[in-house]
C-alpha atoms as a PDB file:
ATOM      1  CA  MET A   1      65.105 -60.732  32.593  1.00  0.00           C
ATOM      2  CA  ASP A   2      67.216 -59.144  29.869  1.00  0.00           C
ATOM      3  CA  GLU A   3      70.500 -57.740  31.170  1.00  0.00           C
ATOM      4  CA  GLY A   4      69.961 -54.474  29.283  1.00  0.00           C
ATOM      5  CA  THR A   5      66.672 -53.953  31.039  1.00  0.00           C
ATOM      6  CA  SER A   6      68.216 -54.767  34.402  1.00  0.00           C
ATOM      7  CA  THR A   7      71.187 -52.449  33.934  1.00  0.00           C
ATOM      8  CA  HIS A   8      69.474 -49.406  32.469  1.00  0.00           C
ATOM      9  CA  GLY A   9      65.956 -49.662  33.902  1.00  0.00           C
ATOM     10  CA  ARG A  10      66.858 -49.399  37.579  1.00  0.00           C
ATOM     11  CA  PRO A  11      68.627 -46.006  37.329  1.00  0.00           C
ATOM     12  CA  ALA A  12      65.686 -44.686  35.328  1.00  0.00           C
ATOM     13  CA  THR A  13      63.290 -45.937  38.000  1.00  0.00           C
ATOM     14  CA  ARG A  14      65.357 -44.330  40.734  1.00  0.00           C
ATOM     15  CA  ARG A  15      65.321 -41.000  38.850  1.00  0.00           C
ATOM     16  CA  ARG A  16      61.546 -41.151  38.539  1.00  0.00           C
ATOM     17  CA  TRP A  17      61.205 -41.740  42.267  1.00  0.00           C
ATOM     18  CA  ARG A  18      63.541 -38.852  43.029  1.00  0.00           C
ATOM     19  CA  TRP A  19      61.388 -36.560  40.895  1.00  0.00           C
ATOM     20  CA  ARG A  20      58.262 -37.791  42.643  1.00  0.00           C
ATOM     21  CA  TRP A  21      59.798 -37.149  46.061  1.00  0.00           C
ATOM     22  CA  ALA A  22      60.954 -33.709  44.969  1.00  0.00           C
ATOM     23  CA  LEU A  23      57.522 -32.811  43.614  1.00  0.00           C
ATOM     24  CA  GLY A  24      55.902 -34.160  46.769  1.00  0.00           C
ATOM     25  CA  LEU A  25      58.156 -32.052  48.969  1.00  0.00           C
ATOM     26  CA  LEU A  26      57.449 -28.967  46.862  1.00  0.00           C
ATOM     27  CA  ALA A  27      53.717 -29.596  47.129  1.00  0.00           C
ATOM     28  CA  ALA A  28      53.980 -30.039  50.900  1.00  0.00           C
ATOM     29  CA  ALA A  29      56.019 -26.838  51.216  1.00  0.00           C
ATOM     30  CA  GLY A  30      53.495 -24.970  49.106  1.00  0.00           C
ATOM     31  CA  LEU A  31      50.598 -26.236  51.199  1.00  0.00           C
ATOM     32  CA  THR A  32      52.414 -25.280  54.393  1.00  0.00           C
ATOM     33  CA  ALA A  33      53.059 -21.786  53.083  1.00  0.00           C
ATOM     34  CA  TYR A  34      49.445 -21.357  51.960  1.00  0.00           C
ATOM     35  CA  SER A  35      47.797 -22.865  55.040  1.00  0.00           C
ATOM     36  CA  PRO A  36      47.862 -19.643  57.123  1.00  0.00           C
ATOM     37  CA  TRP A  37      46.291 -17.672  54.297  1.00  0.00           C
ATOM     38  CA  LEU A  38      43.639 -20.350  53.815  1.00  0.00           C
ATOM     39  CA  TRP A  39      42.944 -20.264  57.555  1.00  0.00           C
ATOM     40  CA  ALA A  40      42.587 -16.464  57.498  1.00  0.00           C
ATOM     41  CA  SER A  41      40.228 -16.695  54.530  1.00  0.00           C
ATOM     42  CA  ALA A  42      38.093 -19.253  56.361  1.00  0.00           C
ATOM     43  CA  GLN A  43      38.026 -17.205  59.578  1.00  0.00           C
ATOM     44  CA  SER A  44      36.892 -14.093  57.721  1.00  0.00           C
ATOM     45  CA  ARG A  45      34.278 -15.764  55.537  1.00  0.00           C
ATOM     46  CA  ASP A  46      31.067 -13.693  55.509  1.00  0.00           C
ATOM     47  CA  ARG A  47      32.907 -10.950  57.445  1.00  0.00           C
ATOM     48  CA  VAL A  48      34.147  -8.849  54.509  1.00  0.00           C
ATOM     49  CA  HIS A  49      31.775  -6.176  53.236  1.00  0.00           C
ATOM     50  CA  GLU A  50      31.342  -3.027  51.242  1.00  0.00           C
ATOM     51  CA  VAL A  51      29.953   0.080  52.909  1.00  0.00           C
ATOM     52  CA  ALA A  52      26.400  -0.556  51.740  1.00  0.00           C
ATOM     53  CA  ASP A  53      26.094  -3.999  53.353  1.00  0.00           C
ATOM     54  CA  ALA A  54      28.375  -3.476  56.351  1.00  0.00           C
ATOM     55  CA  PRO A  55      26.856  -4.117  59.781  1.00  0.00           C
ATOM     56  CA  ALA A  56      26.835  -1.285  62.294  1.00  0.00           C
ATOM     57  CA  ALA A  57      29.481  -1.009  65.011  1.00  0.00           C
ATOM     58  CA  ASP A  58      30.280   1.851  67.349  1.00  0.00           C
ATOM     59  CA  VAL A  59      33.996   1.789  66.516  1.00  0.00           C
ATOM     60  CA  THR A  60      35.845   1.493  63.217  1.00  0.00           C
ATOM     61  CA  LEU A  61      39.574   0.766  63.085  1.00  0.00           C
ATOM     62  CA  VAL A  62      41.329   2.302  60.083  1.00  0.00           C
ATOM     63  CA  LEU A  63      44.726   0.741  59.394  1.00  0.00           C
ATOM     64  CA  GLY A  64      47.616   2.874  58.167  1.00  0.00           C
ATOM     65  CA  ALA A  65      49.050   2.378  54.677  1.00  0.00           C
ATOM     66  CA  GLY A  66      51.896   4.834  54.253  1.00  0.00           C
ATOM     67  CA  LEU A  67      52.400   8.503  53.457  1.00  0.00           C
ATOM     68  CA  THR A  68      53.611  10.298  50.360  1.00  0.00           C
ATOM     69  CA  PRO A  69      56.827  12.386  50.428  1.00  0.00           C
ATOM     70  CA  ASP A  70      54.752  15.469  51.328  1.00  0.00           C
ATOM     71  CA  ASP A  71      53.325  13.683  54.406  1.00  0.00           C
ATOM     72  CA  THR A  72      49.833  13.205  53.039  1.00  0.00           C
ATOM     73  CA  PRO A  73      48.076   9.820  52.890  1.00  0.00           C
ATOM     74  CA  SER A  74      49.163   7.497  50.100  1.00  0.00           C
ATOM     75  CA  PRO A  75      46.482   6.629  47.530  1.00  0.00           C
ATOM     76  CA  TYR A  76      45.855   3.346  49.349  1.00  0.00           C
ATOM     77  CA  LEU A  77      45.498   5.080  52.706  1.00  0.00           C
ATOM     78  CA  ALA A  78      43.342   7.857  51.260  1.00  0.00           C
ATOM     79  CA  ALA A  79      40.995   5.216  49.851  1.00  0.00           C
ATOM     80  CA  ARG A  80      40.710   3.596  53.279  1.00  0.00           C
ATOM     81  CA  LEU A  81      39.918   6.944  54.859  1.00  0.00           C
ATOM     82  CA  ASP A  82      37.248   7.590  52.220  1.00  0.00           C
ATOM     83  CA  VAL A  83      35.612   4.277  53.195  1.00  0.00           C
ATOM     84  CA  ALA A  84      35.736   5.270  56.883  1.00  0.00           C
ATOM     85  CA  ALA A  85      34.139   8.640  56.129  1.00  0.00           C
ATOM     86  CA  ALA A  86      31.425   6.875  54.126  1.00  0.00           C
ATOM     87  CA  LEU A  87      30.689   4.592  57.084  1.00  0.00           C
ATOM     88  CA  LEU A  88      30.206   7.631  59.299  1.00  0.00           C
ATOM     89  CA  GLN A  89      28.024   9.310  56.701  1.00  0.00           C
ATOM     90  CA  ALA A  90      25.893   6.172  56.383  1.00  0.00           C
ATOM     91  CA  GLY A  91      25.413   5.933  60.144  1.00  0.00           C
ATOM     92  CA  LYS A  92      27.230   2.595  60.280  1.00  0.00           C
ATOM     93  CA  THR A  93      29.744   3.723  62.915  1.00  0.00           C
ATOM     94  CA  LYS A  94      30.283   6.463  65.500  1.00  0.00           C
ATOM     95  CA  VAL A  95      34.012   6.730  66.219  1.00  0.00           C
ATOM     96  CA  LEU A  96      37.052   6.208  63.996  1.00  0.00           C
ATOM     97  CA  LEU A  97      40.198   4.771  65.574  1.00  0.00           C
ATOM     98  CA  LEU A  98      43.041   5.800  63.250  1.00  0.00           C
ATOM     99  CA  SER A  99      45.987   3.478  63.782  1.00  0.00           C
ATOM    100  CA  GLY A 100      49.351   4.127  62.169  1.00  0.00           C
ATOM    101  CA  ASP A 101      53.085   4.417  62.572  1.00  0.00           C
ATOM    102  CA  ASN A 102      54.723   7.283  64.449  1.00  0.00           C
ATOM    103  CA  ARG A 103      57.968   5.710  65.605  1.00  0.00           C
ATOM    104  CA  TYR A 104      60.030   8.478  63.937  1.00  0.00           C
ATOM    105  CA  HIS A 105      59.645  12.159  64.756  1.00  0.00           C
ATOM    106  CA  ASP A 106      59.248  13.099  61.085  1.00  0.00           C
ATOM    107  CA  TYR A 107      56.736  10.366  60.207  1.00  0.00           C
ATOM    108  CA  ASP A 108      53.225  10.610  61.650  1.00  0.00           C
ATOM    109  CA  GLU A 109      50.558   8.532  59.954  1.00  0.00           C
ATOM    110  CA  PRO A 110      47.708   9.050  62.460  1.00  0.00           C
ATOM    111  CA  THR A 111      47.907  12.858  62.366  1.00  0.00           C
ATOM    112  CA  ALA A 112      48.023  12.842  58.560  1.00  0.00           C
ATOM    113  CA  MET A 113      44.973  10.561  58.561  1.00  0.00           C
ATOM    114  CA  GLN A 114      43.122  12.884  60.917  1.00  0.00           C
ATOM    115  CA  THR A 115      43.968  15.961  58.848  1.00  0.00           C
ATOM    116  CA  TYR A 116      42.702  14.260  55.685  1.00  0.00           C
ATOM    117  CA  LEU A 117      39.363  13.392  57.292  1.00  0.00           C
ATOM    118  CA  VAL A 118      38.803  16.742  59.004  1.00  0.00           C
ATOM    119  CA  GLU A 119      39.481  18.548  55.728  1.00  0.00           C
ATOM    120  CA  ARG A 120      36.677  16.454  54.247  1.00  0.00           C
ATOM    121  CA  GLY A 121      34.160  17.309  56.927  1.00  0.00           C
ATOM    122  CA  VAL A 122      34.594  14.584  59.531  1.00  0.00           C
ATOM    123  CA  PRO A 123      34.120  16.102  63.011  1.00  0.00           C
ATOM    124  CA  PRO A 124      37.338  15.883  65.080  1.00  0.00           C
ATOM    125  CA  GLU A 125      35.363  14.602  68.066  1.00  0.00           C
ATOM    126  CA  ARG A 126      34.608  11.444  66.066  1.00  0.00           C
ATOM    127  CA  ILE A 127      38.334  10.660  65.718  1.00  0.00           C
ATOM    128  CA  VAL A 128      40.729   8.897  68.101  1.00  0.00           C
ATOM    129  CA  LEU A 129      44.420   8.426  67.258  1.00  0.00           C
ATOM    130  CA  ASP A 130      46.615   5.395  67.915  1.00  0.00           C
ATOM    131  CA  PHE A 131      50.237   6.364  67.336  1.00  0.00           C
ATOM    132  CA  ALA A 132      51.738   2.867  67.704  1.00  0.00           C
ATOM    133  CA  GLY A 133      49.913   0.850  65.056  1.00  0.00           C
ATOM    134  CA  ARG A 134      53.058  -0.369  63.339  1.00  0.00           C
ATOM    135  CA  ASP A 135      51.447  -3.344  61.643  1.00  0.00           C
ATOM    136  CA  THR A 136      48.145  -5.186  61.500  1.00  0.00           C
ATOM    137  CA  TYR A 137      48.813  -7.272  64.605  1.00  0.00           C
ATOM    138  CA  ASP A 138      49.866  -4.253  66.665  1.00  0.00           C
ATOM    139  CA  SER A 139      46.820  -2.233  65.603  1.00  0.00           C
ATOM    140  CA  CYS A 140      44.386  -5.033  66.469  1.00  0.00           C
ATOM    141  CA  SER A 141      46.144  -5.874  69.725  1.00  0.00           C
ATOM    142  CA  ARG A 142      46.251  -2.257  70.871  1.00  0.00           C
ATOM    143  CA  ALA A 143      42.590  -1.728  69.944  1.00  0.00           C
ATOM    144  CA  LYS A 144      41.770  -4.488  72.439  1.00  0.00           C
ATOM    145  CA  ARG A 145      44.411  -4.019  75.135  1.00  0.00           C
ATOM    146  CA  ILE A 146      44.940  -0.248  75.157  1.00  0.00           C
ATOM    147  CA  PHE A 147      41.644   1.192  73.900  1.00  0.00           C
ATOM    148  CA  GLY A 148      39.305  -1.492  75.281  1.00  0.00           C
ATOM    149  CA  VAL A 149      37.502  -2.261  72.023  1.00  0.00           C
ATOM    150  CA  ASP A 150      35.645  -5.586  71.917  1.00  0.00           C
ATOM    151  CA  ARG A 151      33.644  -5.118  68.722  1.00  0.00           C
ATOM    152  CA  MET A 152      34.502  -3.055  65.656  1.00  0.00           C
ATOM    153  CA  LEU A 153      34.682  -2.656  61.921  1.00  0.00           C
ATOM    154  CA  VAL A 154      38.110  -2.812  60.266  1.00  0.00           C
ATOM    155  CA  VAL A 155      38.851  -0.808  57.119  1.00  0.00           C
ATOM    156  CA  SER A 156      41.538  -1.774  54.626  1.00  0.00           C
ATOM    157  CA  GLN A 157      41.939  -2.838  51.008  1.00  0.00           C
ATOM    158  CA  GLY A 158      39.876  -5.872  50.099  1.00  0.00           C
ATOM    159  CA  TYR A 159      42.817  -8.230  49.659  1.00  0.00           C
ATOM    160  CA  HIS A 160      44.151  -7.370  53.143  1.00  0.00           C
ATOM    161  CA  LEU A 161      40.898  -7.813  55.037  1.00  0.00           C
ATOM    162  CA  PRO A 162      40.936 -11.619  55.507  1.00  0.00           C
ATOM    163  CA  ARG A 163      44.221 -11.368  57.436  1.00  0.00           C
ATOM    164  CA  ALA A 164      43.163  -8.229  59.315  1.00  0.00           C
ATOM    165  CA  VAL A 165      39.795  -9.663  60.355  1.00  0.00           C
ATOM    166  CA  ALA A 166      41.261 -13.048  61.278  1.00  0.00           C
ATOM    167  CA  THR A 167      43.947 -11.372  63.394  1.00  0.00           C
ATOM    168  CA  CYS A 168      41.438  -9.259  65.296  1.00  0.00           C
ATOM    169  CA  GLN A 169      39.140 -12.245  65.792  1.00  0.00           C
ATOM    170  CA  ALA A 170      41.990 -14.341  67.174  1.00  0.00           C
ATOM    171  CA  LEU A 171      42.813 -11.539  69.618  1.00  0.00           C
ATOM    172  CA  GLY A 172      39.288 -11.556  71.033  1.00  0.00           C
ATOM    173  CA  ILE A 173      37.622  -8.788  69.021  1.00  0.00           C
ATOM    174  CA  ASP A 174      34.347  -9.330  67.190  1.00  0.00           C
ATOM    175  CA  ALA A 175      35.559  -7.830  63.908  1.00  0.00           C
ATOM    176  CA  GLN A 176      33.920  -7.234  60.545  1.00  0.00           C
ATOM    177  CA  GLY A 177      35.887  -5.922  57.580  1.00  0.00           C
ATOM    178  CA  VAL A 178      34.853  -3.133  55.225  1.00  0.00           C
ATOM    179  CA  GLY A 179      36.946  -2.980  52.096  1.00  0.00           C
ATOM    180  CA  ASP A 180      38.192  -0.642  49.437  1.00  0.00           C
ATOM    181  CA  TRP A 181      38.548  -1.900  45.866  1.00  0.00           C
ATOM    182  CA  THR A 182      38.774   1.459  44.091  1.00  0.00           C
ATOM    183  CA  VAL A 183      42.569   1.548  43.841  1.00  0.00           C
ATOM    184  CA  ARG A 184      42.486  -1.773  41.997  1.00  0.00           C
ATOM    185  CA  ASP A 185      39.885  -0.529  39.531  1.00  0.00           C
ATOM    186  CA  THR A 186      40.998   3.057  38.971  1.00  0.00           C
ATOM    187  CA  TYR A 187      44.524   3.623  40.188  1.00  0.00           C
ATOM    188  CA  ASP A 188      47.057   0.819  40.423  1.00  0.00           C
ATOM    189  CA  PRO A 189      46.060  -2.734  39.431  1.00  0.00           C
ATOM    190  CA  VAL A 190      49.697  -3.899  39.269  1.00  0.00           C
ATOM    191  CA  THR A 191      50.495  -2.944  42.874  1.00  0.00           C
ATOM    192  CA  TRP A 192      47.153  -4.405  43.904  1.00  0.00           C
ATOM    193  CA  ARG A 193      48.115  -7.732  42.357  1.00  0.00           C
ATOM    194  CA  TRP A 194      51.441  -7.623  44.184  1.00  0.00           C
ATOM    195  CA  GLY A 195      49.536  -6.952  47.399  1.00  0.00           C
ATOM    196  CA  GLU A 196      47.425 -10.056  46.816  1.00  0.00           C
ATOM    197  CA  VAL A 197      50.567 -12.153  46.357  1.00  0.00           C
ATOM    198  CA  ARG A 198      52.245 -10.617  49.401  1.00  0.00           C
ATOM    199  CA  GLU A 199      49.283 -11.580  51.591  1.00  0.00           C
ATOM    200  CA  ARG A 200      50.206 -15.248  51.193  1.00  0.00           C
ATOM    201  CA  THR A 201      53.561 -14.687  52.872  1.00  0.00           C
ATOM    202  CA  ALA A 202      52.303 -12.048  55.323  1.00  0.00           C
ATOM    203  CA  ALA A 203      49.924 -14.685  56.664  1.00  0.00           C
ATOM    204  CA  LEU A 204      52.960 -16.666  57.869  1.00  0.00           C
ATOM    205  CA  LYS A 205      53.972 -13.716  60.054  1.00  0.00           C
ATOM    206  CA  MET A 206      50.378 -13.473  61.274  1.00  0.00           C
ATOM    207  CA  VAL A 207      50.578 -17.040  62.575  1.00  0.00           C
ATOM    208  CA  TRP A 208      53.875 -16.356  64.321  1.00  0.00           C
ATOM    209  CA  ASP A 209      52.448 -13.235  65.956  1.00  0.00           C
ATOM    210  CA  LEU A 210      49.326 -15.042  67.123  1.00  0.00           C
ATOM    211  CA  VAL A 211      51.141 -18.116  68.394  1.00  0.00           C
ATOM    212  CA  SER A 212      53.857 -16.136  70.172  1.00  0.00           C
ATOM    213  CA  ARG A 213      51.342 -13.538  71.434  1.00  0.00           C
ATOM    214  CA  ARG A 214      54.107 -10.974  71.241  1.00  0.00           C
ATOM    215  CA  ASP A 215      53.444  -7.644  72.892  1.00  0.00           C
ATOM    216  CA  PRO A 216      52.955  -4.599  70.688  1.00  0.00           C
ATOM    217  CA  VAL A 217      54.146  -1.211  71.888  1.00  0.00           C
ATOM    218  CA  LEU A 218      52.232  -0.955  75.130  1.00  0.00           C
ATOM    219  CA  GLY A 219      51.426   1.757  77.625  1.00  0.00           C
ATOM    220  CA  PRO A 220      48.670   2.673  80.049  1.00  0.00           C
ATOM    221  CA  PRO A 221      45.075   2.112  78.941  1.00  0.00           C
ATOM    222  CA  GLU A 222      43.675   5.023  76.943  1.00  0.00           C
ATOM    223  CA  SER A 223      40.122   6.288  77.358  1.00  0.00           C
ATOM    224  CA  GLY A 224      39.869   8.081  74.013  1.00  0.00           C
ATOM    225  CA  VAL A 225      37.384   5.697  72.417  1.00  0.00           C
ATOM    226  CA  ARG A 226      35.253   5.439  75.550  1.00  0.00           C
ATOM    227  CA  ASP A 227      35.251   9.218  76.012  1.00  0.00           C
ATOM    228  CA  ALA A 228      34.303   9.848  72.378  1.00  0.00           C
ATOM    229  CA  LEU A 229      31.389   7.416  72.599  1.00  0.00           C
ATOM    230  CA  ALA A 230      30.241   8.968  75.881  1.00  0.00           C
ATOM    231  CA  ARG A 231      30.113  12.422  74.283  1.00  0.00           C
ATOM    232  CA  LEU A 232      27.879  11.035  71.541  1.00  0.00           C
ATOM    233  CA  ALA A 233      25.502   9.241  73.917  1.00  0.00           C
END
């Protein structure tokens, strides 16, 4: 073997192997990061719908999505509430469980959600409020543990529904998602795209929540959903 080849070829070979190891580690890290999102997508397959093809369920969970500075629903939340109202109008559901954040005295998502719907003709007796739905996991967990819901529709933006449905399913709720895509098409495609990207990392938190089975904000069982359904019977 030529000495030049022996001297200079080995370092080059070692560098190539280092690059291969580095690329392999990056690929493994990427797969690990994406695995929860892929799992959520698989769990929710055939469970994400539009209003027209949504199955019927007595209860629909509407997830909070922030308020504007004047304490009205954000465009994303308003779109979710419009979907919920359409489900009622179509006879696909009977009671709306509005779940949002109210941990601060000057921030009240559920009441703002209720006001929005009532102003648009939804009967108040069809609405139940959950004031401790601080995130997707908490809202799904409280629907099961506090309000006693075993089967429901879940309303959110389309990109969020795989995680929302998968979370509810893992917590023992037979959940079907009904999505909004209007904000992507007519209002804010850039933020929508960011939301799609964020879902990949939010799925990591979903796995932690489901594995740890952390408690949401708890309290005594509430009969609001059961009472509302009884009045409609």
